[in-house]
Amino acid sequence: MGMDQDFPMSPTQAKVLVVGLVVMLAVGFALFGGFVPGMKPNYAPPATLMVNGAPYYYTTVSLNLPSIINNTTTPQAFTFHNVTFQLWLTNWYSPTGGLVRGNGTERNGSVASFVLGTSEHPPVSTSLFVSPDRAFAVYWEGGVFAGTSVRLMVHA
C-alpha cells in the first residue's frame, strides 16, 4: 500500500467541516464586527487641536487637591506621546487662585519648566505654555474657579 491513496471524505465529515468553518466565520464577524462588547478593534486617531498654527495631540489630566495645611501638592507624573510631565499645584488657597507648576521632559532629555495661573508673588499671568522648541504645550485656565484639570499637548 502506498501513501498516494486519496482518502475520500465521508458525507458526515464534509458536513462537520462546513459547519465548523461557518461557525469560525460567524465568531470572527461577531468579535471584529463589534457584536461582542469590548472585542472590536477600537483604534481611533488621537484628538488634535491647533496651537499657534501647529497641530498638537492633547489629553486632559486631573491633579490632586492640596490639603489646607500644605497649600501645595507633590509632583504627579504623566507621560503622553513620549513627553513626561511633572505637575503640581501651589498657592492653591490664594485669593487670586492657585498656580500649576511643572516640567516637561522630552525623549531627547530636554526639560522645560513652566508656571501657569495668576499671581502677584511670583508675578505670573498666563494660561498657556509652549516649550521653546514647540515640542509640547500645557494649558490651564487659571483663576479662582479653574479646577484641577490641565491639558497636556504634544506636537503632532
C-alpha atoms as a PDB file:
ATOM      1  CA  MET A   1       0.000   0.000   0.000  1.00  0.00           C
ATOM      2  CA  GLY A   2       1.340   3.372  -0.975  1.00  0.00           C
ATOM      3  CA  MET A   3       0.737   6.699   0.670  1.00  0.00           C
ATOM      4  CA  ASP A   4      -0.628   8.130  -2.563  1.00  0.00           C
ATOM      5  CA  GLN A   5      -4.167   6.958  -1.991  1.00  0.00           C
ATOM      6  CA  ASP A   6      -6.897   9.559  -1.818  1.00  0.00           C
ATOM      7  CA  PHE A   7      -8.868   9.346   1.348  1.00  0.00           C
ATOM      8  CA  PRO A   8     -12.318  10.464   0.354  1.00  0.00           C
ATOM      9  CA  MET A   9     -14.252  12.350   2.955  1.00  0.00           C
ATOM     10  CA  SER A  10     -17.457  10.837   4.125  1.00  0.00           C
ATOM     11  CA  PRO A  11     -20.619  12.967   3.808  1.00  0.00           C
ATOM     12  CA  THR A  12     -20.732  13.324   7.621  1.00  0.00           C
ATOM     13  CA  GLN A  13     -17.126  14.556   7.748  1.00  0.00           C
ATOM     14  CA  ALA A  14     -17.813  17.067   4.961  1.00  0.00           C
ATOM     15  CA  LYS A  15     -20.855  18.436   6.841  1.00  0.00           C
ATOM     16  CA  VAL A  16     -18.825  18.760  10.072  1.00  0.00           C
ATOM     17  CA  LEU A  17     -16.067  20.595   8.185  1.00  0.00           C
ATOM     18  CA  VAL A  18     -18.522  23.028   6.563  1.00  0.00           C
ATOM     19  CA  VAL A  19     -20.375  23.659   9.838  1.00  0.00           C
ATOM     20  CA  GLY A  20     -17.041  24.219  11.627  1.00  0.00           C
ATOM     21  CA  LEU A  21     -15.927  26.760   9.019  1.00  0.00           C
ATOM     22  CA  VAL A  22     -19.267  28.576   9.180  1.00  0.00           C
ATOM     23  CA  VAL A  23     -19.092  28.722  12.998  1.00  0.00           C
ATOM     24  CA  MET A  24     -15.500  30.074  12.921  1.00  0.00           C
ATOM     25  CA  LEU A  25     -16.530  32.674  10.341  1.00  0.00           C
ATOM     26  CA  ALA A  26     -19.518  33.733  12.471  1.00  0.00           C
ATOM     27  CA  VAL A  27     -17.341  34.030  15.593  1.00  0.00           C
ATOM     28  CA  GLY A  28     -14.830  36.161  13.656  1.00  0.00           C
ATOM     29  CA  PHE A  29     -17.547  38.500  12.430  1.00  0.00           C
ATOM     30  CA  ALA A  30     -19.015  38.729  15.929  1.00  0.00           C
ATOM     31  CA  LEU A  31     -15.682  39.599  17.522  1.00  0.00           C
ATOM     32  CA  PHE A  32     -14.407  42.053  14.962  1.00  0.00           C
ATOM     33  CA  GLY A  33     -17.756  43.417  13.831  1.00  0.00           C
ATOM     34  CA  GLY A  34     -18.490  44.865  17.250  1.00  0.00           C
ATOM     35  CA  PHE A  35     -21.307  42.490  18.229  1.00  0.00           C
ATOM     36  CA  VAL A  36     -19.360  41.308  21.289  1.00  0.00           C
ATOM     37  CA  PRO A  37     -18.743  44.380  23.508  1.00  0.00           C
ATOM     38  CA  GLY A  38     -15.118  45.157  24.199  1.00  0.00           C
ATOM     39  CA  MET A  39     -13.787  42.916  21.451  1.00  0.00           C
ATOM     40  CA  LYS A  40     -13.946  45.211  18.444  1.00  0.00           C
ATOM     41  CA  PRO A  41     -10.639  46.751  17.426  1.00  0.00           C
ATOM     42  CA  ASN A  42     -11.273  50.304  18.547  1.00  0.00           C
ATOM     43  CA  TYR A  43      -8.387  52.311  17.160  1.00  0.00           C
ATOM     44  CA  ALA A  44      -9.312  55.943  16.984  1.00  0.00           C
ATOM     45  CA  PRO A  45      -6.845  58.582  15.915  1.00  0.00           C
ATOM     46  CA  PRO A  46      -5.692  60.770  18.809  1.00  0.00           C
ATOM     47  CA  ALA A  47      -7.528  64.039  19.297  1.00  0.00           C
ATOM     48  CA  THR A  48      -5.711  67.067  17.904  1.00  0.00           C
ATOM     49  CA  LEU A  49      -6.040  70.815  18.162  1.00  0.00           C
ATOM     50  CA  MET A  50      -4.180  73.790  16.754  1.00  0.00           C
ATOM     51  CA  VAL A  51      -1.858  75.875  18.932  1.00  0.00           C
ATOM     52  CA  ASN A  52      -0.214  78.889  17.310  1.00  0.00           C
ATOM     53  CA  GLY A  53      -0.945  77.379  13.887  1.00  0.00           C
ATOM     54  CA  ALA A  54       0.596  73.962  14.640  1.00  0.00           C
ATOM     55  CA  PRO A  55      -1.247  70.663  15.304  1.00  0.00           C
ATOM     56  CA  TYR A  56      -0.922  69.081  18.759  1.00  0.00           C
ATOM     57  CA  TYR A  57      -2.231  65.827  20.211  1.00  0.00           C
ATOM     58  CA  TYR A  58      -3.901  66.515  23.537  1.00  0.00           C
ATOM     59  CA  THR A  59      -5.253  64.891  26.654  1.00  0.00           C
ATOM     60  CA  THR A  60      -6.631  66.252  29.912  1.00  0.00           C
ATOM     61  CA  VAL A  61      -5.380  65.160  33.333  1.00  0.00           C
ATOM     62  CA  SER A  62      -6.628  65.971  36.828  1.00  0.00           C
ATOM     63  CA  LEU A  63      -4.282  66.938  39.636  1.00  0.00           C
ATOM     64  CA  ASN A  64      -4.753  66.115  43.303  1.00  0.00           C
ATOM     65  CA  LEU A  65      -6.075  68.892  45.523  1.00  0.00           C
ATOM     66  CA  PRO A  66      -3.682  70.163  48.199  1.00  0.00           C
ATOM     67  CA  SER A  67      -4.554  69.965  51.853  1.00  0.00           C
ATOM     68  CA  ILE A  68      -5.412  73.250  53.547  1.00  0.00           C
ATOM     69  CA  ILE A  69      -2.356  72.910  55.777  1.00  0.00           C
ATOM     70  CA  ASN A  70       0.152  72.456  52.924  1.00  0.00           C
ATOM     71  CA  ASN A  71      -1.419  74.658  50.207  1.00  0.00           C
ATOM     72  CA  THR A  72       0.679  72.684  47.683  1.00  0.00           C
ATOM     73  CA  THR A  73       0.860  69.176  46.243  1.00  0.00           C
ATOM     74  CA  THR A  74       3.662  66.782  45.487  1.00  0.00           C
ATOM     75  CA  PRO A  75       4.553  66.395  41.811  1.00  0.00           C
ATOM     76  CA  GLN A  76       2.451  63.983  39.776  1.00  0.00           C
ATOM     77  CA  ALA A  77       3.973  62.344  36.682  1.00  0.00           C
ATOM     78  CA  PHE A  78       2.076  61.922  33.415  1.00  0.00           C
ATOM     79  CA  THR A  79       3.579  60.546  30.207  1.00  0.00           C
ATOM     80  CA  PHE A  80       1.903  61.461  26.952  1.00  0.00           C
ATOM     81  CA  HIS A  81       3.322  60.831  23.449  1.00  0.00           C
ATOM     82  CA  ASN A  82       6.905  60.406  24.717  1.00  0.00           C
ATOM     83  CA  VAL A  83       6.878  63.544  26.875  1.00  0.00           C
ATOM     84  CA  THR A  84       6.916  63.143  30.656  1.00  0.00           C
ATOM     85  CA  PHE A  85       5.176  65.891  32.576  1.00  0.00           C
ATOM     86  CA  GLN A  86       5.706  66.547  36.305  1.00  0.00           C
ATOM     87  CA  LEU A  87       2.852  68.763  37.561  1.00  0.00           C
ATOM     88  CA  TRP A  88       1.985  70.154  40.979  1.00  0.00           C
ATOM     89  CA  LEU A  89      -0.210  72.863  42.484  1.00  0.00           C
ATOM     90  CA  THR A  90       0.992  75.743  44.661  1.00  0.00           C
ATOM     91  CA  ASN A  91      -0.664  78.784  46.272  1.00  0.00           C
ATOM     92  CA  TRP A  92      -3.942  76.925  45.851  1.00  0.00           C
ATOM     93  CA  TYR A  93      -5.868  78.812  48.517  1.00  0.00           C
ATOM     94  CA  SER A  94      -4.647  82.239  47.388  1.00  0.00           C
ATOM     95  CA  PRO A  95      -7.325  84.908  46.721  1.00  0.00           C
ATOM     96  CA  THR A  96      -6.171  85.130  43.074  1.00  0.00           C
ATOM     97  CA  GLY A  97      -6.256  81.372  42.589  1.00  0.00           C
ATOM     98  CA  GLY A  98      -3.552  78.773  42.578  1.00  0.00           C
ATOM     99  CA  LEU A  99      -0.696  78.016  40.253  1.00  0.00           C
ATOM    100  CA  VAL A 100       0.138  74.931  38.233  1.00  0.00           C
ATOM    101  CA  ARG A 101       3.878  74.381  38.158  1.00  0.00           C
ATOM    102  CA  GLY A 102       5.630  71.779  36.138  1.00  0.00           C
ATOM    103  CA  ASN A 103       8.362  70.409  33.953  1.00  0.00           C
ATOM    104  CA  GLY A 104       8.122  68.712  30.609  1.00  0.00           C
ATOM    105  CA  THR A 105      10.869  66.249  29.709  1.00  0.00           C
ATOM    106  CA  GLU A 106      11.167  65.247  26.075  1.00  0.00           C
ATOM    107  CA  ARG A 107      12.507  61.936  24.794  1.00  0.00           C
ATOM    108  CA  ASN A 108      15.876  63.556  23.973  1.00  0.00           C
ATOM    109  CA  GLY A 109      16.248  64.720  27.594  1.00  0.00           C
ATOM    110  CA  SER A 110      15.358  68.384  27.031  1.00  0.00           C
ATOM    111  CA  VAL A 111      13.493  69.837  30.006  1.00  0.00           C
ATOM    112  CA  ALA A 112      11.348  72.964  30.074  1.00  0.00           C
ATOM    113  CA  SER A 113       9.783  74.381  33.259  1.00  0.00           C
ATOM    114  CA  PHE A 114       6.602  76.414  33.433  1.00  0.00           C
ATOM    115  CA  VAL A 115       4.161  78.159  35.791  1.00  0.00           C
ATOM    116  CA  LEU A 116       0.518  78.683  34.827  1.00  0.00           C
ATOM    117  CA  GLY A 117      -2.090  80.797  36.580  1.00  0.00           C
ATOM    118  CA  THR A 118      -2.377  84.291  38.018  1.00  0.00           C
ATOM    119  CA  SER A 119      -0.277  85.502  40.931  1.00  0.00           C
ATOM    120  CA  GLU A 120       1.381  88.673  42.189  1.00  0.00           C
ATOM    121  CA  HIS A 121       4.154  86.784  44.006  1.00  0.00           C
ATOM    122  CA  PRO A 122       5.722  85.386  41.879  1.00  0.00           C
ATOM    123  CA  PRO A 123       4.372  87.586  39.095  1.00  0.00           C
ATOM    124  CA  VAL A 124       2.533  85.219  36.770  1.00  0.00           C
ATOM    125  CA  SER A 125      -0.393  85.720  34.412  1.00  0.00           C
ATOM    126  CA  THR A 126      -0.530  83.025  31.777  1.00  0.00           C
ATOM    127  CA  SER A 127      -2.719  80.084  30.871  1.00  0.00           C
ATOM    128  CA  LEU A 128      -0.671  78.575  28.011  1.00  0.00           C
ATOM    129  CA  PHE A 129       2.940  77.425  27.922  1.00  0.00           C
ATOM    130  CA  VAL A 130       4.595  76.255  24.695  1.00  0.00           C
ATOM    131  CA  SER A 131       8.077  74.760  25.029  1.00  0.00           C
ATOM    132  CA  PRO A 132      10.867  76.704  23.317  1.00  0.00           C
ATOM    133  CA  ASP A 133      11.220  74.018  20.612  1.00  0.00           C
ATOM    134  CA  ARG A 134       7.389  73.765  20.270  1.00  0.00           C
ATOM    135  CA  ALA A 135       7.538  70.021  21.023  1.00  0.00           C
ATOM    136  CA  PHE A 136       4.899  70.280  23.755  1.00  0.00           C
ATOM    137  CA  ALA A 137       2.478  72.696  25.366  1.00  0.00           C
ATOM    138  CA  VAL A 138       0.420  72.873  28.565  1.00  0.00           C
ATOM    139  CA  TYR A 139      -2.849  74.742  29.136  1.00  0.00           C
ATOM    140  CA  TRP A 140      -4.624  75.614  32.367  1.00  0.00           C
ATOM    141  CA  GLU A 141      -7.160  78.413  32.501  1.00  0.00           C
ATOM    142  CA  GLY A 142      -6.132  79.603  35.979  1.00  0.00           C
ATOM    143  CA  GLY A 143      -8.092  81.833  38.287  1.00  0.00           C
ATOM    144  CA  VAL A 144     -10.115  81.181  41.409  1.00  0.00           C
ATOM    145  CA  PHE A 145     -12.603  78.798  39.782  1.00  0.00           C
ATOM    146  CA  ALA A 146     -10.203  76.996  37.449  1.00  0.00           C
ATOM    147  CA  GLY A 147     -10.312  73.496  38.924  1.00  0.00           C
ATOM    148  CA  THR A 148      -7.553  70.924  38.720  1.00  0.00           C
ATOM    149  CA  SER A 149      -7.857  69.784  35.086  1.00  0.00           C
ATOM    150  CA  VAL A 150      -4.792  70.515  32.971  1.00  0.00           C
ATOM    151  CA  ARG A 151      -4.499  69.962  29.212  1.00  0.00           C
ATOM    152  CA  LEU A 152      -1.260  68.343  28.024  1.00  0.00           C
ATOM    153  CA  MET A 153      -0.329  68.746  24.364  1.00  0.00           C
ATOM    154  CA  VAL A 154       2.432  67.214  22.230  1.00  0.00           C
ATOM    155  CA  HIS A 155       3.288  68.379  18.715  1.00  0.00           C
ATOM    156  CA  ALA A 156       1.722  66.056  16.133  1.00  0.00           C
END
